[in-house]
Structure formats: structure tokens, C-alpha cells
Amino acid sequence: MKNEREILSKKLIRQNSFWSYDVQPSAVVPDDMLIEKTLLYLDLSDIDLLFKMFSYAKIKQVWRERLAIQGDYYRRINRFLAWKYFDVKDPDKYLKTIETKHINKLLCNA
């Protein structure tokens, strides 16, 4: 797993995917961040590698908590990920439900 993690981390660093973070080439990227950035910026073979490194549940959790709640900003990629990797039958409805729950949670905590 260390070698795969290193491969993905280096690809993300080379692509400047951590532009808003101070990430050094030798840094250990946290699991959640590695999953999020790989889903957003790397190709399908790299995403497939994620599923060898982490459990389906872990990847789906990160996707739901960090990406699926973003609304229109990541709409196209989220629709694809929902369909391709998370076996969601109606991605638009599913994403709308996740977004609504997230907004309601924010409003209740405000």
C-alpha cells in the first residue's frame, strides 16, 4: 500500500493538486485528502487503484462528505462517480438528496 500511496501522492503533487496546501514531495498525504484529490484530479486507473488501497465504504464516505455535497461545482464528476463507482441508479436524485441533507444539517447547527 505504501508504494501505491506514494505513486498517487507524487502524481497529485506533480499536477499541483494541493495548490492551497503546503505539501512537500516527501509528505505523507492523509487518507481522506488522498482519496478526495484522486477522485477529482487523476484518471480512472488511479481511481481503480484507490479501491485496492482503501475499502469501498471509506472511499464512498469521503466522496459523500467532501465532494457529493458540492452541488453544481462538481455536478458532472459526481454524477459520473455515482454511476461508475458507487452503483447509484439515479445519480441526480441521489446527489440532490445528499446536498439537501447537508444544507439542512448546516442550518440546524447554525
PDB file of N, CA and C in Angstrom:
ATOM      1  N   MET A   1       0.830  -1.194   0.000  1.00  0.00           N
ATOM      2  CA  MET A   1       0.000   0.000   0.000  1.00  0.00           C
ATOM      3  C   MET A   1       0.872   1.255   0.000  1.00  0.00           C
ATOM      4  N   LYS A   2       2.032   1.196   0.655  1.00  0.00           N
ATOM      5  CA  LYS A   2       2.901   2.376   0.709  1.00  0.00           C
ATOM      6  C   LYS A   2       3.335   2.813  -0.679  1.00  0.00           C
ATOM      7  N   ASN A   3       3.692   1.865  -1.519  1.00  0.00           N
ATOM      8  CA  ASN A   3       4.123   2.193  -2.866  1.00  0.00           C
ATOM      9  C   ASN A   3       2.994   2.831  -3.682  1.00  0.00           C
ATOM     10  N   GLU A   4       1.783   2.270  -3.562  1.00  0.00           N
ATOM     11  CA  GLU A   4       0.634   2.831  -4.280  1.00  0.00           C
ATOM     12  C   GLU A   4       0.311   4.231  -3.779  1.00  0.00           C
ATOM     13  N   ARG A   5       0.365   4.402  -2.466  1.00  0.00           N
ATOM     14  CA  ARG A   5       0.125   5.723  -1.873  1.00  0.00           C
ATOM     15  C   ARG A   5       1.141   6.732  -2.406  1.00  0.00           C
ATOM     16  N   GLU A   6       2.375   6.309  -2.456  1.00  0.00           N
ATOM     17  CA  GLU A   6       3.450   7.171  -2.944  1.00  0.00           C
ATOM     18  C   GLU A   6       3.224   7.546  -4.412  1.00  0.00           C
ATOM     19  N   ILE A   7       2.824   6.575  -5.214  1.00  0.00           N
ATOM     20  CA  ILE A   7       2.554   6.820  -6.634  1.00  0.00           C
ATOM     21  C   ILE A   7       1.467   7.878  -6.790  1.00  0.00           C
ATOM     22  N   LEU A   8       0.336   7.693  -6.092  1.00  0.00           N
ATOM     23  CA  LEU A   8      -0.768   8.649  -6.207  1.00  0.00           C
ATOM     24  C   LEU A   8      -0.378  10.012  -5.654  1.00  0.00           C
ATOM     25  N   SER A   9       0.301  10.021  -4.517  1.00  0.00           N
ATOM     26  CA  SER A   9       0.712  11.298  -3.916  1.00  0.00           C
ATOM     27  C   SER A   9       1.613  12.081  -4.853  1.00  0.00           C
ATOM     28  N   LYS A  10       2.579  11.404  -5.452  1.00  0.00           N
ATOM     29  CA  LYS A  10       3.504  12.088  -6.358  1.00  0.00           C
ATOM     30  C   LYS A  10       2.791  12.619  -7.598  1.00  0.00           C
ATOM     31  N   LYS A  11       1.852  11.844  -8.132  1.00  0.00           N
ATOM     32  CA  LYS A  11       1.079  12.326  -9.285  1.00  0.00           C
ATOM     33  C   LYS A  11       0.293  13.582  -8.917  1.00  0.00           C
ATOM     34  N   LEU A  12      -0.327  13.567  -7.768  1.00  0.00           N
ATOM     35  CA  LEU A  12      -1.110  14.724  -7.333  1.00  0.00           C
ATOM     36  C   LEU A  12      -0.225  15.943  -7.087  1.00  0.00           C
ATOM     37  N   ILE A  13       0.923  15.732  -6.497  1.00  0.00           N
ATOM     38  CA  ILE A  13       1.849  16.840  -6.245  1.00  0.00           C
ATOM     39  C   ILE A  13       2.359  17.409  -7.567  1.00  0.00           C
ATOM     40  N   ARG A  14       2.708  16.529  -8.515  1.00  0.00           N
ATOM     41  CA  ARG A  14       3.182  16.986  -9.831  1.00  0.00           C
ATOM     42  C   ARG A  14       2.122  17.813 -10.559  1.00  0.00           C
ATOM     43  N   GLN A  15       0.866  17.446 -10.359  1.00  0.00           N
ATOM     44  CA  GLN A  15      -0.221  18.177 -11.020  1.00  0.00           C
ATOM     45  C   GLN A  15      -0.650  19.421 -10.255  1.00  0.00           C
ATOM     46  N   ASN A  16       0.048  19.689  -9.153  1.00  0.00           N
ATOM     47  CA  ASN A  16      -0.257  20.850  -8.315  1.00  0.00           C
ATOM     48  C   ASN A  16      -1.681  20.781  -7.752  1.00  0.00           C
ATOM     49  N   SER A  17      -2.133  19.590  -7.431  1.00  0.00           N
ATOM     50  CA  SER A  17      -3.476  19.382  -6.889  1.00  0.00           C
ATOM     51  C   SER A  17      -3.620  19.902  -5.470  1.00  0.00           C
ATOM     52  N   PHE A  18      -2.513  20.129  -4.797  1.00  0.00           N
ATOM     53  CA  PHE A  18      -2.536  20.648  -3.434  1.00  0.00           C
ATOM     54  C   PHE A  18      -2.142  22.116  -3.411  1.00  0.00           C
ATOM     55  N   TRP A  19      -2.544  22.864  -4.407  1.00  0.00           N
ATOM     56  CA  TRP A  19      -2.121  24.243  -4.562  1.00  0.00           C
ATOM     57  C   TRP A  19      -2.420  25.106  -3.336  1.00  0.00           C
ATOM     58  N   SER A  20      -3.446  24.773  -2.572  1.00  0.00           N
ATOM     59  CA  SER A  20      -3.788  25.599  -1.417  1.00  0.00           C
ATOM     60  C   SER A  20      -3.186  25.065  -0.112  1.00  0.00           C
ATOM     61  N   TYR A  21      -2.379  24.014  -0.215  1.00  0.00           N
ATOM     62  CA  TYR A  21      -1.733  23.422   0.956  1.00  0.00           C
ATOM     63  C   TYR A  21      -0.217  23.471   0.777  1.00  0.00           C
ATOM     64  N   ASP A  22       0.482  23.465   1.883  1.00  0.00           N
ATOM     65  CA  ASP A  22       1.936  23.402   1.834  1.00  0.00           C
ATOM     66  C   ASP A  22       2.339  21.929   1.926  1.00  0.00           C
ATOM     67  N   VAL A  23       2.298  21.228   0.801  1.00  0.00           N
ATOM     68  CA  VAL A  23       2.615  19.805   0.761  1.00  0.00           C
ATOM     69  C   VAL A  23       3.964  19.629   0.079  1.00  0.00           C
ATOM     70  N   GLN A  24       4.872  19.038   0.797  1.00  0.00           N
ATOM     71  CA  GLN A  24       6.205  18.765   0.271  1.00  0.00           C
ATOM     72  C   GLN A  24       6.198  17.411  -0.434  1.00  0.00           C
ATOM     73  N   PRO A  25       7.073  17.199  -1.399  1.00  0.00           N
ATOM     74  CA  PRO A  25       7.121  15.924  -2.116  1.00  0.00           C
ATOM     75  C   PRO A  25       7.285  14.704  -1.214  1.00  0.00           C
ATOM     76  N   SER A  26       7.910  14.862  -0.078  1.00  0.00           N
ATOM     77  CA  SER A  26       8.113  13.731   0.830  1.00  0.00           C
ATOM     78  C   SER A  26       6.993  13.595   1.863  1.00  0.00           C
ATOM     79  N   ALA A  27       6.015  14.479   1.819  1.00  0.00           N
ATOM     80  CA  ALA A  27       4.950  14.478   2.822  1.00  0.00           C
ATOM     81  C   ALA A  27       4.048  13.261   2.674  1.00  0.00           C
ATOM     82  N   VAL A  28       3.513  12.826   3.801  1.00  0.00           N
ATOM     83  CA  VAL A  28       2.518  11.762   3.805  1.00  0.00           C
ATOM     84  C   VAL A  28       1.147  12.439   3.750  1.00  0.00           C
ATOM     85  N   VAL A  29       0.446  12.213   2.674  1.00  0.00           N
ATOM     86  CA  VAL A  29      -0.858  12.829   2.468  1.00  0.00           C
ATOM     87  C   VAL A  29      -1.900  12.018   3.254  1.00  0.00           C
ATOM     88  N   PRO A  30      -2.727  12.678   4.069  1.00  0.00           N
ATOM     89  CA  PRO A  30      -3.754  11.955   4.822  1.00  0.00           C
ATOM     90  C   PRO A  30      -4.704  11.187   3.890  1.00  0.00           C
ATOM     91  N   ASP A  31      -5.235  10.076   4.384  1.00  0.00           N
ATOM     92  CA  ASP A  31      -6.103   9.216   3.583  1.00  0.00           C
ATOM     93  C   ASP A  31      -7.243   9.992   2.932  1.00  0.00           C
ATOM     94  N   ASP A  32      -7.963  10.770   3.731  1.00  0.00           N
ATOM     95  CA  ASP A  32      -9.127  11.490   3.207  1.00  0.00           C
ATOM     96  C   ASP A  32      -8.744  12.436   2.066  1.00  0.00           C
ATOM     97  N   MET A  33      -7.644  13.129   2.247  1.00  0.00           N
ATOM     98  CA  MET A  33      -7.200  14.065   1.217  1.00  0.00           C
ATOM     99  C   MET A  33      -6.735  13.318  -0.039  1.00  0.00           C
ATOM    100  N   LEU A  34      -6.037  12.216   0.145  1.00  0.00           N
ATOM    101  CA  LEU A  34      -5.580  11.411  -0.983  1.00  0.00           C
ATOM    102  C   LEU A  34      -6.764  10.900  -1.795  1.00  0.00           C
ATOM    103  N   ILE A  35      -7.786  10.415  -1.114  1.00  0.00           N
ATOM    104  CA  ILE A  35      -8.984   9.915  -1.792  1.00  0.00           C
ATOM    105  C   ILE A  35      -9.689  11.052  -2.527  1.00  0.00           C
ATOM    106  N   GLU A  36      -9.923  12.150  -1.839  1.00  0.00           N
ATOM    107  CA  GLU A  36     -10.627  13.288  -2.448  1.00  0.00           C
ATOM    108  C   GLU A  36      -9.904  13.790  -3.700  1.00  0.00           C
ATOM    109  N   LYS A  37      -8.631  14.056  -3.580  1.00  0.00           N
ATOM    110  CA  LYS A  37      -7.886  14.628  -4.701  1.00  0.00           C
ATOM    111  C   LYS A  37      -7.743  13.632  -5.852  1.00  0.00           C
ATOM    112  N   THR A  38      -7.611  12.349  -5.547  1.00  0.00           N
ATOM    113  CA  THR A  38      -7.530  11.343  -6.611  1.00  0.00           C
ATOM    114  C   THR A  38      -8.849  11.288  -7.375  1.00  0.00           C
ATOM    115  N   LEU A  39      -9.968  11.301  -6.653  1.00  0.00           N
ATOM    116  CA  LEU A  39     -11.271  11.283  -7.326  1.00  0.00           C
ATOM    117  C   LEU A  39     -11.455  12.500  -8.225  1.00  0.00           C
ATOM    118  N   LEU A  40     -10.924  13.623  -7.794  1.00  0.00           N
ATOM    119  CA  LEU A  40     -11.092  14.861  -8.563  1.00  0.00           C
ATOM    120  C   LEU A  40     -10.118  15.012  -9.727  1.00  0.00           C
ATOM    121  N   TYR A  41      -8.866  14.664  -9.513  1.00  0.00           N
ATOM    122  CA  TYR A  41      -7.838  15.084 -10.458  1.00  0.00           C
ATOM    123  C   TYR A  41      -7.117  13.991 -11.235  1.00  0.00           C
ATOM    124  N   LEU A  42      -7.226  12.755 -10.808  1.00  0.00           N
ATOM    125  CA  LEU A  42      -6.485  11.706 -11.511  1.00  0.00           C
ATOM    126  C   LEU A  42      -7.404  10.884 -12.407  1.00  0.00           C
ATOM    127  N   ASP A  43      -6.823   9.983 -13.160  1.00  0.00           N
ATOM    128  CA  ASP A  43      -7.603   9.248 -14.159  1.00  0.00           C
ATOM    129  C   ASP A  43      -8.214   7.970 -13.583  1.00  0.00           C
ATOM    130  N   LEU A  44      -8.948   7.265 -14.417  1.00  0.00           N
ATOM    131  CA  LEU A  44      -9.697   6.095 -13.966  1.00  0.00           C
ATOM    132  C   LEU A  44      -8.813   4.990 -13.405  1.00  0.00           C
ATOM    133  N   SER A  45      -7.661   4.773 -13.987  1.00  0.00           N
ATOM    134  CA  SER A  45      -6.773   3.726 -13.462  1.00  0.00           C
ATOM    135  C   SER A  45      -6.282   4.087 -12.059  1.00  0.00           C
ATOM    136  N   ASP A  46      -6.101   5.367 -11.797  1.00  0.00           N
ATOM    137  CA  ASP A  46      -5.692   5.799 -10.461  1.00  0.00           C
ATOM    138  C   ASP A  46      -6.842   5.645  -9.465  1.00  0.00           C
ATOM    139  N   ILE A  47      -8.045   5.949  -9.898  1.00  0.00           N
ATOM    140  CA  ILE A  47      -9.215   5.744  -9.040  1.00  0.00           C
ATOM    141  C   ILE A  47      -9.386   4.255  -8.749  1.00  0.00           C
ATOM    142  N   ASP A  48      -9.178   3.421  -9.759  1.00  0.00           N
ATOM    143  CA  ASP A  48      -9.246   1.973  -9.538  1.00  0.00           C
ATOM    144  C   ASP A  48      -8.210   1.537  -8.495  1.00  0.00           C
ATOM    145  N   LEU A  49      -7.049   2.161  -8.523  1.00  0.00           N
ATOM    146  CA  LEU A  49      -6.008   1.854  -7.547  1.00  0.00           C
ATOM    147  C   LEU A  49      -6.465   2.216  -6.132  1.00  0.00           C
ATOM    148  N   LEU A  50      -7.205   3.303  -6.008  1.00  0.00           N
ATOM    149  CA  LEU A  50      -7.753   3.687  -4.703  1.00  0.00           C
ATOM    150  C   LEU A  50      -8.564   2.548  -4.089  1.00  0.00           C
ATOM    151  N   PHE A  51      -9.367   1.885  -4.947  1.00  0.00           N
ATOM    152  CA  PHE A  51     -10.231   0.813  -4.457  1.00  0.00           C
ATOM    153  C   PHE A  51      -9.440  -0.425  -4.051  1.00  0.00           C
ATOM    154  N   LYS A  52      -8.196  -0.511  -4.457  1.00  0.00           N
ATOM    155  CA  LYS A  52      -7.320  -1.583  -3.987  1.00  0.00           C
ATOM    156  C   LYS A  52      -6.662  -1.196  -2.661  1.00  0.00           C
ATOM    157  N   MET A  53      -6.517   0.095  -2.450  1.00  0.00           N
ATOM    158  CA  MET A  53      -5.844   0.595  -1.255  1.00  0.00           C
ATOM    159  C   MET A  53      -6.778   0.762  -0.064  1.00  0.00           C
ATOM    160  N   PHE A  54      -8.002   1.200  -0.353  1.00  0.00           N
ATOM    161  CA  PHE A  54      -8.961   1.528   0.704  1.00  0.00           C
ATOM    162  C   PHE A  54     -10.255   0.753   0.493  1.00  0.00           C
ATOM    163  N   SER A  55     -11.027   0.644   1.545  1.00  0.00           N
ATOM    164  CA  SER A  55     -12.314  -0.045   1.440  1.00  0.00           C
ATOM    165  C   SER A  55     -13.303   0.808   0.643  1.00  0.00           C
ATOM    166  N   TYR A  56     -14.235   0.135   0.034  1.00  0.00           N
ATOM    167  CA  TYR A  56     -15.315   0.792  -0.693  1.00  0.00           C
ATOM    168  C   TYR A  56     -16.017   1.791   0.226  1.00  0.00           C
ATOM    169  N   ALA A  57     -16.304   1.363   1.466  1.00  0.00           N
ATOM    170  CA  ALA A  57     -17.018   2.219   2.420  1.00  0.00           C
ATOM    171  C   ALA A  57     -16.238   3.496   2.719  1.00  0.00           C
ATOM    172  N   LYS A  58     -14.925   3.385   2.877  1.00  0.00           N
ATOM    173  CA  LYS A  58     -14.092   4.550   3.175  1.00  0.00           C
ATOM    174  C   LYS A  58     -14.102   5.540   2.007  1.00  0.00           C
ATOM    175  N   ILE A  59     -13.956   5.027   0.805  1.00  0.00           N
ATOM    176  CA  ILE A  59     -13.945   5.898  -0.375  1.00  0.00           C
ATOM    177  C   ILE A  59     -15.299   6.569  -0.553  1.00  0.00           C
ATOM    178  N   LYS A  60     -16.360   5.803  -0.390  1.00  0.00           N
ATOM    179  CA  LYS A  60     -17.705   6.377  -0.545  1.00  0.00           C
ATOM    180  C   LYS A  60     -17.973   7.428   0.524  1.00  0.00           C
ATOM    181  N   GLN A  61     -17.515   7.177   1.740  1.00  0.00           N
ATOM    182  CA  GLN A  61     -17.701   8.147   2.822  1.00  0.00           C
ATOM    183  C   GLN A  61     -17.015   9.473   2.481  1.00  0.00           C
ATOM    184  N   VAL A  62     -15.774   9.402   2.035  1.00  0.00           N
ATOM    185  CA  VAL A  62     -15.045  10.621   1.672  1.00  0.00           C
ATOM    186  C   VAL A  62     -15.748  11.326   0.522  1.00  0.00           C
ATOM    187  N   TRP A  63     -16.165  10.575  -0.469  1.00  0.00           N
ATOM    188  CA  TRP A  63     -16.870  11.160  -1.607  1.00  0.00           C
ATOM    189  C   TRP A  63     -18.144  11.875  -1.150  1.00  0.00           C
ATOM    190  N   ARG A  64     -18.929  11.206  -0.311  1.00  0.00           N
ATOM    191  CA  ARG A  64     -20.186  11.809   0.171  1.00  0.00           C
ATOM    192  C   ARG A  64     -19.940  13.059   1.009  1.00  0.00           C
ATOM    193  N   GLU A  65     -18.938  12.995   1.883  1.00  0.00           N
ATOM    194  CA  GLU A  65     -18.698  14.098   2.821  1.00  0.00           C
ATOM    195  C   GLU A  65     -17.979  15.288   2.200  1.00  0.00           C
ATOM    196  N   ARG A  66     -17.184  15.054   1.176  1.00  0.00           N
ATOM    197  CA  ARG A  66     -16.370  16.136   0.625  1.00  0.00           C
ATOM    198  C   ARG A  66     -16.750  16.579  -0.787  1.00  0.00           C
ATOM    199  N   LEU A  67     -17.224  15.667  -1.591  1.00  0.00           N
ATOM    200  CA  LEU A  67     -17.481  16.010  -2.993  1.00  0.00           C
ATOM    201  C   LEU A  67     -18.962  16.053  -3.341  1.00  0.00           C
ATOM    202  N   ALA A  68     -19.703  15.047  -2.920  1.00  0.00           N
ATOM    203  CA  ALA A  68     -21.108  14.951  -3.328  1.00  0.00           C
ATOM    204  C   ALA A  68     -21.952  16.112  -2.811  1.00  0.00           C
ATOM    205  N   ILE A  69     -21.509  16.773  -1.775  1.00  0.00           N
ATOM    206  CA  ILE A  69     -22.259  17.888  -1.192  1.00  0.00           C
ATOM    207  C   ILE A  69     -22.006  19.218  -1.900  1.00  0.00           C
ATOM    208  N   GLN A  70     -21.126  19.237  -2.891  1.00  0.00           N
ATOM    209  CA  GLN A  70     -20.684  20.481  -3.515  1.00  0.00           C
ATOM    210  C   GLN A  70     -21.660  21.073  -4.532  1.00  0.00           C
ATOM    211  N   GLY A  71     -22.752  20.402  -4.808  1.00  0.00           N
ATOM    212  CA  GLY A  71     -23.741  20.954  -5.728  1.00  0.00           C
ATOM    213  C   GLY A  71     -23.228  21.066  -7.154  1.00  0.00           C
ATOM    214  N   ASP A  72     -23.552  22.164  -7.802  1.00  0.00           N
ATOM    215  CA  ASP A  72     -23.217  22.357  -9.214  1.00  0.00           C
ATOM    216  C   ASP A  72     -21.711  22.397  -9.481  1.00  0.00           C
ATOM    217  N   TYR A  73     -20.933  22.756  -8.483  1.00  0.00           N
ATOM    218  CA  TYR A  73     -19.492  22.917  -8.680  1.00  0.00           C
ATOM    219  C   TYR A  73     -18.841  21.640  -9.206  1.00  0.00           C
ATOM    220  N   TYR A  74     -19.248  20.499  -8.655  1.00  0.00           N
ATOM    221  CA  TYR A  74     -18.704  19.208  -9.087  1.00  0.00           C
ATOM    222  C   TYR A  74     -19.793  18.295  -9.654  1.00  0.00           C
ATOM    223  N   ARG A  75     -20.858  18.859 -10.155  1.00  0.00           N
ATOM    224  CA  ARG A  75     -22.019  18.078 -10.607  1.00  0.00           C
ATOM    225  C   ARG A  75     -21.637  16.986 -11.615  1.00  0.00           C
ATOM    226  N   ARG A  76     -20.902  17.336 -12.637  1.00  0.00           N
ATOM    227  CA  ARG A  76     -20.595  16.350 -13.688  1.00  0.00           C
ATOM    228  C   ARG A  76     -19.748  15.196 -13.173  1.00  0.00           C
ATOM    229  N   ILE A  77     -18.721  15.515 -12.430  1.00  0.00           N
ATOM    230  CA  ILE A  77     -17.859  14.437 -11.917  1.00  0.00           C
ATOM    231  C   ILE A  77     -18.608  13.594 -10.893  1.00  0.00           C
ATOM    232  N   ASN A  78     -19.427  14.230 -10.058  1.00  0.00           N
ATOM    233  CA  ASN A  78     -20.188  13.472  -9.070  1.00  0.00           C
ATOM    234  C   ASN A  78     -21.205  12.540  -9.719  1.00  0.00           C
ATOM    235  N   ARG A  79     -21.819  12.985 -10.776  1.00  0.00           N
ATOM    236  CA  ARG A  79     -22.757  12.108 -11.498  1.00  0.00           C
ATOM    237  C   ARG A  79     -22.013  10.893 -12.049  1.00  0.00           C
ATOM    238  N   PHE A  80     -20.847  11.116 -12.601  1.00  0.00           N
ATOM    239  CA  PHE A  80     -20.055  10.017 -13.148  1.00  0.00           C
ATOM    240  C   PHE A  80     -19.600   9.057 -12.039  1.00  0.00           C
ATOM    241  N   LEU A  81     -19.049   9.605 -10.965  1.00  0.00           N
ATOM    242  CA  LEU A  81     -18.576   8.761  -9.861  1.00  0.00           C
ATOM    243  C   LEU A  81     -19.720   7.957  -9.253  1.00  0.00           C
ATOM    244  N   ALA A  82     -20.866   8.593  -9.079  1.00  0.00           N
ATOM    245  CA  ALA A  82     -22.031   7.898  -8.515  1.00  0.00           C
ATOM    246  C   ALA A  82     -22.414   6.713  -9.390  1.00  0.00           C
ATOM    247  N   TRP A  83     -22.433   6.939 -10.678  1.00  0.00           N
ATOM    248  CA  TRP A  83     -22.826   5.883 -11.623  1.00  0.00           C
ATOM    249  C   TRP A  83     -21.752   4.801 -11.745  1.00  0.00           C
ATOM    250  N   LYS A  84     -20.526   5.192 -11.968  1.00  0.00           N
ATOM    251  CA  LYS A  84     -19.450   4.251 -12.277  1.00  0.00           C
ATOM    252  C   LYS A  84     -18.951   3.471 -11.058  1.00  0.00           C
ATOM    253  N   TYR A  85     -18.752   4.167  -9.956  1.00  0.00           N
ATOM    254  CA  TYR A  85     -18.086   3.536  -8.818  1.00  0.00           C
ATOM    255  C   TYR A  85     -19.009   3.186  -7.646  1.00  0.00           C
ATOM    256  N   PHE A  86     -20.127   3.879  -7.515  1.00  0.00           N
ATOM    257  CA  PHE A  86     -20.958   3.664  -6.337  1.00  0.00           C
ATOM    258  C   PHE A  86     -22.328   3.068  -6.675  1.00  0.00           C
ATOM    259  N   ASP A  87     -22.492   2.633  -7.923  1.00  0.00           N
ATOM    260  CA  ASP A  87     -23.682   1.897  -8.358  1.00  0.00           C
ATOM    261  C   ASP A  87     -24.989   2.605  -8.004  1.00  0.00           C
ATOM    262  N   VAL A  88     -25.004   3.915  -8.192  1.00  0.00           N
ATOM    263  CA  VAL A  88     -26.199   4.705  -7.921  1.00  0.00           C
ATOM    264  C   VAL A  88     -27.061   4.705  -9.182  1.00  0.00           C
ATOM    265  N   LYS A  89     -28.297   4.270  -9.048  1.00  0.00           N
ATOM    266  CA  LYS A  89     -29.186   4.125 -10.206  1.00  0.00           C
ATOM    267  C   LYS A  89     -29.645   5.470 -10.770  1.00  0.00           C
ATOM    268  N   ASP A  90     -29.925   6.427  -9.899  1.00  0.00           N
ATOM    269  CA  ASP A  90     -30.370   7.756 -10.324  1.00  0.00           C
ATOM    270  C   ASP A  90     -29.457   8.803  -9.681  1.00  0.00           C
ATOM    271  N   PRO A  91     -28.303   9.057 -10.292  1.00  0.00           N
ATOM    272  CA  PRO A  91     -27.313   9.963  -9.680  1.00  0.00           C
ATOM    273  C   PRO A  91     -27.847  11.357  -9.347  1.00  0.00           C
ATOM    274  N   ASP A  92     -28.661  11.929 -10.223  1.00  0.00           N
ATOM    275  CA  ASP A  92     -29.160  13.284  -9.957  1.00  0.00           C
ATOM    276  C   ASP A  92     -30.009  13.321  -8.692  1.00  0.00           C
ATOM    277  N   LYS A  93     -30.898  12.382  -8.557  1.00  0.00           N
ATOM    278  CA  LYS A  93     -31.760  12.323  -7.367  1.00  0.00           C
ATOM    279  C   LYS A  93     -30.928  12.054  -6.110  1.00  0.00           C
ATOM    280  N   TYR A  94     -30.008  11.129  -6.217  1.00  0.00           N
ATOM    281  CA  TYR A  94     -29.141  10.783  -5.086  1.00  0.00           C
ATOM    282  C   TYR A  94     -28.332  11.996  -4.626  1.00  0.00           C
ATOM    283  N   LEU A  95     -27.712  12.689  -5.566  1.00  0.00           N
ATOM    284  CA  LEU A  95     -26.896  13.851  -5.220  1.00  0.00           C
ATOM    285  C   LEU A  95     -27.741  14.972  -4.620  1.00  0.00           C
ATOM    286  N   LYS A  96     -28.921  15.173  -5.156  1.00  0.00           N
ATOM    287  CA  LYS A  96     -29.816  16.202  -4.618  1.00  0.00           C
ATOM    288  C   LYS A  96     -30.182  15.890  -3.175  1.00  0.00           C
ATOM    289  N   THR A  97     -30.420  14.621  -2.891  1.00  0.00           N
ATOM    290  CA  THR A  97     -30.752  14.197  -1.523  1.00  0.00           C
ATOM    291  C   THR A  97     -29.576  14.460  -0.577  1.00  0.00           C
ATOM    292  N   ILE A  98     -28.373  14.110  -0.996  1.00  0.00           N
ATOM    293  CA  ILE A  98     -27.183  14.335  -0.164  1.00  0.00           C
ATOM    294  C   ILE A  98     -26.969  15.834   0.075  1.00  0.00           C
ATOM    295  N   GLU A  99     -27.112  16.635  -0.965  1.00  0.00           N
ATOM    296  CA  GLU A  99     -26.932  18.082  -0.841  1.00  0.00           C
ATOM    297  C   GLU A  99     -27.960  18.673   0.115  1.00  0.00           C
ATOM    298  N   THR A 100     -29.218  18.251  -0.016  1.00  0.00           N
ATOM    299  CA  THR A 100     -30.289  18.764   0.838  1.00  0.00           C
ATOM    300  C   THR A 100     -30.043  18.397   2.298  1.00  0.00           C
ATOM    301  N   LYS A 101     -29.647  17.154   2.552  1.00  0.00           N
ATOM    302  CA  LYS A 101     -29.337  16.735   3.922  1.00  0.00           C
ATOM    303  C   LYS A 101     -28.191  17.570   4.504  1.00  0.00           C
ATOM    304  N   HIS A 102     -27.190  17.817   3.687  1.00  0.00           N
ATOM    305  CA  HIS A 102     -26.039  18.615   4.132  1.00  0.00           C
ATOM    306  C   HIS A 102     -26.463  20.039   4.473  1.00  0.00           C
ATOM    307  N   ILE A 103     -27.256  20.647   3.630  1.00  0.00           N
ATOM    308  CA  ILE A 103     -27.719  22.015   3.868  1.00  0.00           C
ATOM    309  C   ILE A 103     -28.586  22.072   5.129  1.00  0.00           C
ATOM    310  N   ASN A 104     -29.471  21.098   5.287  1.00  0.00           N
ATOM    311  CA  ASN A 104     -30.314  21.054   6.481  1.00  0.00           C
ATOM    312  C   ASN A 104     -29.484  20.884   7.750  1.00  0.00           C
ATOM    313  N   LYS A 105     -28.449  20.079   7.673  1.00  0.00           N
ATOM    314  CA  LYS A 105     -27.557  19.869   8.814  1.00  0.00           C
ATOM    315  C   LYS A 105     -26.852  21.185   9.175  1.00  0.00           C
ATOM    316  N   LEU A 106     -26.389  21.905   8.155  1.00  0.00           N
ATOM    317  CA  LEU A 106     -25.734  23.193   8.401  1.00  0.00           C
ATOM    318  C   LEU A 106     -26.702  24.200   9.036  1.00  0.00           C
ATOM    319  N   LEU A 107     -27.927  24.214   8.546  1.00  0.00           N
ATOM    320  CA  LEU A 107     -28.925  25.149   9.077  1.00  0.00           C
ATOM    321  C   LEU A 107     -29.313  24.821  10.515  1.00  0.00           C
ATOM    322  N   CYS A 108     -29.386  23.542  10.819  1.00  0.00           N
ATOM    323  CA  CYS A 108     -29.748  23.121  12.180  1.00  0.00           C
ATOM    324  C   CYS A 108     -28.635  23.420  13.169  1.00  0.00           C
ATOM    325  N   ASN A 109     -27.407  23.398  12.704  1.00  0.00           N
ATOM    326  CA  ASN A 109     -26.266  23.667  13.580  1.00  0.00           C
ATOM    327  C   ASN A 109     -25.927  25.139  13.672  1.00  0.00           C
ATOM    328  N   ALA A 110     -26.598  25.969  12.906  1.00  0.00           N
ATOM    329  CA  ALA A 110     -26.284  27.405  12.891  1.00  0.00           C
ATOM    330  C   ALA A 110     -26.905  28.126  14.072  1.00  0.00           C
TER     331      ALA A 110
END
